[in-house]
Amino acid sequence: MSITTVMASENLCLPNIGVLAEELSAAIAPGATVRLDLSDVAAPDLSVIQLVQSARVSAAEAPCDFALTAPVGDGFRTLLERAGFLPAATPDHAQFWFHGDTVQ
């Protein structure tokens, strides 16, 4: 089984989110396995969360095995909090973003 890893750039934000959107759109396909690496993203904004959530929906509809390569860090945790995703995250949501780590 082949895994496609999509790497997000360090300066990922609204002005350049289209590049990542195109890469994810090309990678997500029925039966595919796609991993998104957000580890280099320095200062994510809400557009990143929106794109990832949209990719999750598209992957579920495909169906495509879509996940993050690693749990998100503090920058994403803060952004998810501000966006209203935390602390009321569902188990599926917490598993996706934090790989089972406790959401605090």
N, C-alpha and C. Protein backbone atom coordinates (compact mmCIF):
# COMPACT_ATOMS: atom_id res chain seq x y z
N MET A 1 0.85 -1.18 0.00
CA MET A 1 0.00 0.00 0.00
C MET A 1 0.89 1.24 0.00
N SER A 2 0.59 2.16 -0.85
CA SER A 2 1.36 3.40 -0.99
C SER A 2 0.72 4.51 -0.17
N ILE A 3 1.57 5.27 0.50
CA ILE A 3 1.09 6.41 1.29
C ILE A 3 1.59 7.69 0.64
N THR A 4 0.68 8.61 0.41
CA THR A 4 1.04 9.92 -0.12
C THR A 4 1.12 10.89 1.05
N THR A 5 2.27 11.52 1.22
CA THR A 5 2.43 12.52 2.27
C THR A 5 2.41 13.90 1.63
N VAL A 6 1.54 14.75 2.13
CA VAL A 6 1.43 16.13 1.66
C VAL A 6 2.03 17.01 2.74
N MET A 7 3.01 17.80 2.36
CA MET A 7 3.73 18.66 3.29
C MET A 7 3.19 20.10 3.21
N ALA A 8 2.85 20.66 4.35
CA ALA A 8 2.42 22.05 4.41
C ALA A 8 3.64 22.94 4.62
N SER A 9 3.64 24.09 3.99
CA SER A 9 4.78 25.00 4.10
C SER A 9 4.78 25.74 5.43
N GLU A 10 5.93 26.23 5.81
CA GLU A 10 6.09 26.94 7.07
C GLU A 10 5.20 28.17 7.17
N ASN A 11 5.05 28.88 6.06
CA ASN A 11 4.28 30.13 6.07
C ASN A 11 2.84 29.93 5.59
N LEU A 12 2.28 28.76 5.81
CA LEU A 12 0.92 28.45 5.38
C LEU A 12 -0.09 29.36 6.07
N CYS A 13 -0.87 30.09 5.26
CA CYS A 13 -1.94 30.94 5.77
C CYS A 13 -2.84 31.31 4.59
N LEU A 14 -3.84 32.14 4.80
CA LEU A 14 -4.84 32.44 3.79
C LEU A 14 -4.27 32.84 2.43
N PRO A 15 -3.30 33.74 2.34
CA PRO A 15 -2.83 34.14 1.00
C PRO A 15 -2.26 33.00 0.15
N ASN A 16 -1.76 31.94 0.77
CA ASN A 16 -1.17 30.86 -0.03
C ASN A 16 -1.81 29.49 0.23
N ILE A 17 -2.98 29.47 0.83
CA ILE A 17 -3.64 28.21 1.17
C ILE A 17 -4.04 27.41 -0.07
N GLY A 18 -4.20 28.10 -1.20
CA GLY A 18 -4.61 27.43 -2.44
C GLY A 18 -3.65 26.35 -2.90
N VAL A 19 -2.36 26.54 -2.65
CA VAL A 19 -1.36 25.54 -3.05
C VAL A 19 -1.61 24.22 -2.32
N LEU A 20 -1.80 24.31 -0.99
CA LEU A 20 -2.08 23.10 -0.22
C LEU A 20 -3.43 22.51 -0.61
N ALA A 21 -4.41 23.34 -0.88
CA ALA A 21 -5.73 22.84 -1.28
C ALA A 21 -5.62 22.02 -2.57
N GLU A 22 -4.84 22.49 -3.53
CA GLU A 22 -4.65 21.75 -4.78
C GLU A 22 -3.93 20.43 -4.55
N GLU A 23 -2.91 20.44 -3.69
CA GLU A 23 -2.18 19.21 -3.40
C GLU A 23 -3.08 18.17 -2.73
N LEU A 24 -3.88 18.62 -1.78
CA LEU A 24 -4.79 17.69 -1.09
C LEU A 24 -5.86 17.17 -2.05
N SER A 25 -6.38 18.04 -2.88
CA SER A 25 -7.40 17.64 -3.84
C SER A 25 -6.87 16.57 -4.80
N ALA A 26 -5.63 16.72 -5.22
CA ALA A 26 -5.02 15.75 -6.12
C ALA A 26 -4.73 14.42 -5.40
N ALA A 27 -4.41 14.48 -4.13
CA ALA A 27 -4.03 13.27 -3.38
C ALA A 27 -5.22 12.45 -2.90
N ILE A 28 -6.30 13.12 -2.51
CA ILE A 28 -7.45 12.42 -1.94
C ILE A 28 -8.25 11.76 -3.06
N ALA A 29 -8.29 10.43 -3.01
CA ALA A 29 -8.98 9.65 -4.03
C ALA A 29 -9.48 8.36 -3.38
N PRO A 30 -10.48 7.72 -3.98
CA PRO A 30 -10.98 6.47 -3.41
C PRO A 30 -9.85 5.44 -3.23
N GLY A 31 -9.78 4.90 -2.03
CA GLY A 31 -8.80 3.88 -1.71
C GLY A 31 -7.39 4.39 -1.42
N ALA A 32 -7.17 5.69 -1.54
CA ALA A 32 -5.84 6.24 -1.28
C ALA A 32 -5.58 6.36 0.21
N THR A 33 -4.30 6.43 0.57
CA THR A 33 -3.87 6.70 1.93
C THR A 33 -3.07 7.98 1.88
N VAL A 34 -3.55 9.01 2.59
CA VAL A 34 -2.93 10.34 2.54
C VAL A 34 -2.62 10.79 3.96
N ARG A 35 -1.39 11.27 4.14
CA ARG A 35 -0.98 11.83 5.42
C ARG A 35 -0.58 13.29 5.20
N LEU A 36 -1.09 14.16 6.05
CA LEU A 36 -0.81 15.58 5.97
C LEU A 36 0.18 15.95 7.06
N ASP A 37 1.29 16.54 6.67
CA ASP A 37 2.33 16.95 7.61
C ASP A 37 2.21 18.46 7.85
N LEU A 38 1.76 18.83 9.04
CA LEU A 38 1.61 20.23 9.42
C LEU A 38 2.72 20.69 10.36
N SER A 39 3.74 19.85 10.54
CA SER A 39 4.76 20.13 11.56
C SER A 39 5.58 21.38 11.31
N ASP A 40 5.72 21.81 10.06
CA ASP A 40 6.51 23.01 9.76
C ASP A 40 5.71 24.31 9.82
N VAL A 41 4.39 24.22 9.94
CA VAL A 41 3.55 25.42 9.92
C VAL A 41 3.82 26.24 11.18
N ALA A 42 4.32 27.45 10.98
CA ALA A 42 4.76 28.29 12.10
C ALA A 42 3.62 29.05 12.77
N ALA A 43 2.76 29.65 11.96
CA ALA A 43 1.69 30.49 12.51
C ALA A 43 0.40 30.25 11.74
N PRO A 44 -0.28 29.13 12.03
CA PRO A 44 -1.50 28.81 11.27
C PRO A 44 -2.61 29.82 11.54
N ASP A 45 -3.46 29.99 10.54
CA ASP A 45 -4.65 30.81 10.74
C ASP A 45 -5.88 29.94 10.49
N LEU A 46 -7.05 30.53 10.62
CA LEU A 46 -8.29 29.77 10.51
C LEU A 46 -8.45 29.09 9.15
N SER A 47 -7.88 29.66 8.10
CA SER A 47 -8.00 29.04 6.77
C SER A 47 -7.38 27.64 6.76
N VAL A 48 -6.35 27.44 7.55
CA VAL A 48 -5.70 26.13 7.61
C VAL A 48 -6.65 25.11 8.25
N ILE A 49 -7.27 25.50 9.34
CA ILE A 49 -8.24 24.61 10.02
C ILE A 49 -9.40 24.30 9.07
N GLN A 50 -9.89 25.32 8.38
CA GLN A 50 -11.01 25.12 7.45
C GLN A 50 -10.63 24.16 6.34
N LEU A 51 -9.44 24.32 5.78
CA LEU A 51 -9.00 23.44 4.71
C LEU A 51 -8.85 22.01 5.19
N VAL A 52 -8.26 21.82 6.35
CA VAL A 52 -8.06 20.47 6.87
C VAL A 52 -9.42 19.81 7.15
N GLN A 53 -10.34 20.56 7.73
CA GLN A 53 -11.67 20.00 7.99
C GLN A 53 -12.36 19.64 6.67
N SER A 54 -12.23 20.47 5.66
CA SER A 54 -12.80 20.18 4.35
C SER A 54 -12.16 18.93 3.74
N ALA A 55 -10.85 18.79 3.89
CA ALA A 55 -10.16 17.60 3.39
C ALA A 55 -10.64 16.34 4.11
N ARG A 56 -10.91 16.47 5.40
CA ARG A 56 -11.43 15.32 6.17
C ARG A 56 -12.77 14.86 5.60
N VAL A 57 -13.63 15.82 5.28
CA VAL A 57 -14.95 15.50 4.72
C VAL A 57 -14.78 14.84 3.35
N SER A 58 -13.96 15.44 2.50
CA SER A 58 -13.72 14.88 1.16
C SER A 58 -13.15 13.47 1.25
N ALA A 59 -12.22 13.26 2.17
CA ALA A 59 -11.62 11.93 2.33
C ALA A 59 -12.65 10.91 2.79
N ALA A 60 -13.52 11.31 3.70
CA ALA A 60 -14.55 10.39 4.20
C ALA A 60 -15.52 10.01 3.08
N GLU A 61 -15.80 10.95 2.20
CA GLU A 61 -16.73 10.69 1.11
C GLU A 61 -16.11 9.83 0.02
N ALA A 62 -14.78 9.84 -0.12
CA ALA A 62 -14.09 9.17 -1.24
C ALA A 62 -14.28 7.65 -1.28
N PRO A 63 -14.09 6.81 -0.35
CA PRO A 63 -13.41 6.95 0.93
C PRO A 63 -11.88 6.86 0.75
N CYS A 64 -11.20 7.65 1.58
CA CYS A 64 -9.75 7.74 1.56
C CYS A 64 -9.26 7.77 3.00
N ASP A 65 -8.19 7.06 3.28
CA ASP A 65 -7.60 7.03 4.62
C ASP A 65 -6.78 8.31 4.78
N PHE A 66 -7.30 9.27 5.52
CA PHE A 66 -6.67 10.58 5.66
C PHE A 66 -6.38 10.87 7.12
N ALA A 67 -5.15 11.26 7.42
CA ALA A 67 -4.77 11.57 8.80
C ALA A 67 -3.58 12.52 8.80
N LEU A 68 -3.28 13.05 9.96
CA LEU A 68 -2.09 13.86 10.14
C LEU A 68 -0.90 12.95 10.42
N THR A 69 0.29 13.38 10.04
CA THR A 69 1.49 12.58 10.30
C THR A 69 1.84 12.56 11.78
N ALA A 70 1.45 13.61 12.50
CA ALA A 70 1.77 13.74 13.93
C ALA A 70 0.73 14.63 14.59
N PRO A 71 0.58 14.53 15.89
CA PRO A 71 -0.36 15.42 16.58
C PRO A 71 0.07 16.88 16.39
N VAL A 72 -0.91 17.77 16.36
CA VAL A 72 -0.59 19.18 16.21
C VAL A 72 -0.01 19.73 17.51
N GLY A 73 0.75 20.81 17.38
CA GLY A 73 1.39 21.43 18.53
C GLY A 73 0.55 22.53 19.15
N ASP A 74 1.21 23.30 19.99
CA ASP A 74 0.52 24.35 20.76
C ASP A 74 -0.11 25.42 19.88
N GLY A 75 0.54 25.79 18.77
CA GLY A 75 -0.04 26.80 17.88
C GLY A 75 -1.39 26.39 17.34
N PHE A 76 -1.49 25.15 16.92
CA PHE A 76 -2.77 24.64 16.43
C PHE A 76 -3.76 24.46 17.58
N ARG A 77 -3.28 24.00 18.71
CA ARG A 77 -4.16 23.83 19.87
C ARG A 77 -4.82 25.16 20.23
N THR A 78 -4.04 26.23 20.26
CA THR A 78 -4.56 27.57 20.56
C THR A 78 -5.57 28.00 19.51
N LEU A 79 -5.24 27.77 18.24
CA LEU A 79 -6.15 28.15 17.16
C LEU A 79 -7.45 27.35 17.22
N LEU A 80 -7.36 26.06 17.47
CA LEU A 80 -8.57 25.24 17.60
C LEU A 80 -9.43 25.72 18.76
N GLU A 81 -8.79 26.13 19.83
CA GLU A 81 -9.50 26.67 20.99
C GLU A 81 -10.24 27.95 20.61
N ARG A 82 -9.53 28.88 19.96
CA ARG A 82 -10.14 30.16 19.56
C ARG A 82 -11.27 29.97 18.56
N ALA A 83 -11.16 28.93 17.74
CA ALA A 83 -12.17 28.66 16.72
C ALA A 83 -13.38 27.91 17.28
N GLY A 84 -13.33 27.54 18.56
CA GLY A 84 -14.47 26.88 19.19
C GLY A 84 -14.47 25.37 19.10
N PHE A 85 -13.38 24.78 18.62
CA PHE A 85 -13.30 23.33 18.52
C PHE A 85 -12.98 22.67 19.86
N LEU A 86 -12.39 23.39 20.76
CA LEU A 86 -12.01 22.87 22.07
C LEU A 86 -12.69 23.69 23.14
N PRO A 87 -13.02 23.19 24.27
CA PRO A 87 -12.69 21.86 24.78
C PRO A 87 -13.73 20.80 24.46
N ALA A 88 -14.74 21.12 23.68
CA ALA A 88 -15.83 20.18 23.42
C ALA A 88 -15.55 19.27 22.22
N ALA A 89 -14.31 18.88 22.03
CA ALA A 89 -13.94 18.03 20.90
C ALA A 89 -14.54 16.64 21.06
N THR A 90 -15.04 16.10 19.95
CA THR A 90 -15.52 14.71 19.96
C THR A 90 -14.31 13.78 19.99
N PRO A 91 -14.51 12.52 20.37
CA PRO A 91 -13.38 11.59 20.37
C PRO A 91 -12.71 11.47 19.00
N ASP A 92 -13.51 11.48 17.93
CA ASP A 92 -12.96 11.40 16.58
C ASP A 92 -12.11 12.63 16.26
N HIS A 93 -12.62 13.77 16.64
CA HIS A 93 -11.92 15.04 16.42
C HIS A 93 -10.61 15.06 17.20
N ALA A 94 -10.65 14.67 18.45
CA ALA A 94 -9.45 14.65 19.28
C ALA A 94 -8.43 13.64 18.74
N GLN A 95 -8.91 12.50 18.28
CA GLN A 95 -8.01 11.49 17.71
C GLN A 95 -7.33 12.05 16.46
N PHE A 96 -8.07 12.72 15.60
CA PHE A 96 -7.49 13.26 14.37
C PHE A 96 -6.41 14.30 14.68
N TRP A 97 -6.75 15.31 15.47
CA TRP A 97 -5.83 16.43 15.71
C TRP A 97 -4.71 16.10 16.69
N PHE A 98 -5.00 15.28 17.68
CA PHE A 98 -4.05 15.06 18.78
C PHE A 98 -3.58 13.61 18.91
N HIS A 99 -4.01 12.74 18.00
CA HIS A 99 -3.61 11.32 17.99
C HIS A 99 -3.85 10.63 19.33
N GLY A 100 -4.96 10.96 19.95
CA GLY A 100 -5.32 10.31 21.19
C GLY A 100 -4.78 10.96 22.44
N ASP A 101 -3.90 11.97 22.28
CA ASP A 101 -3.43 12.70 23.46
C ASP A 101 -4.59 13.44 24.10
N THR A 102 -4.53 13.65 25.37
CA THR A 102 -5.58 14.35 26.08
C THR A 102 -5.66 15.80 25.63
N VAL A 103 -6.87 16.24 25.31
CA VAL A 103 -7.10 17.63 24.92
C VAL A 103 -7.24 18.43 26.19
N GLN A 104 -6.37 19.41 26.38
CA GLN A 104 -6.40 20.22 27.60
C GLN A 104 -6.80 21.63 27.29
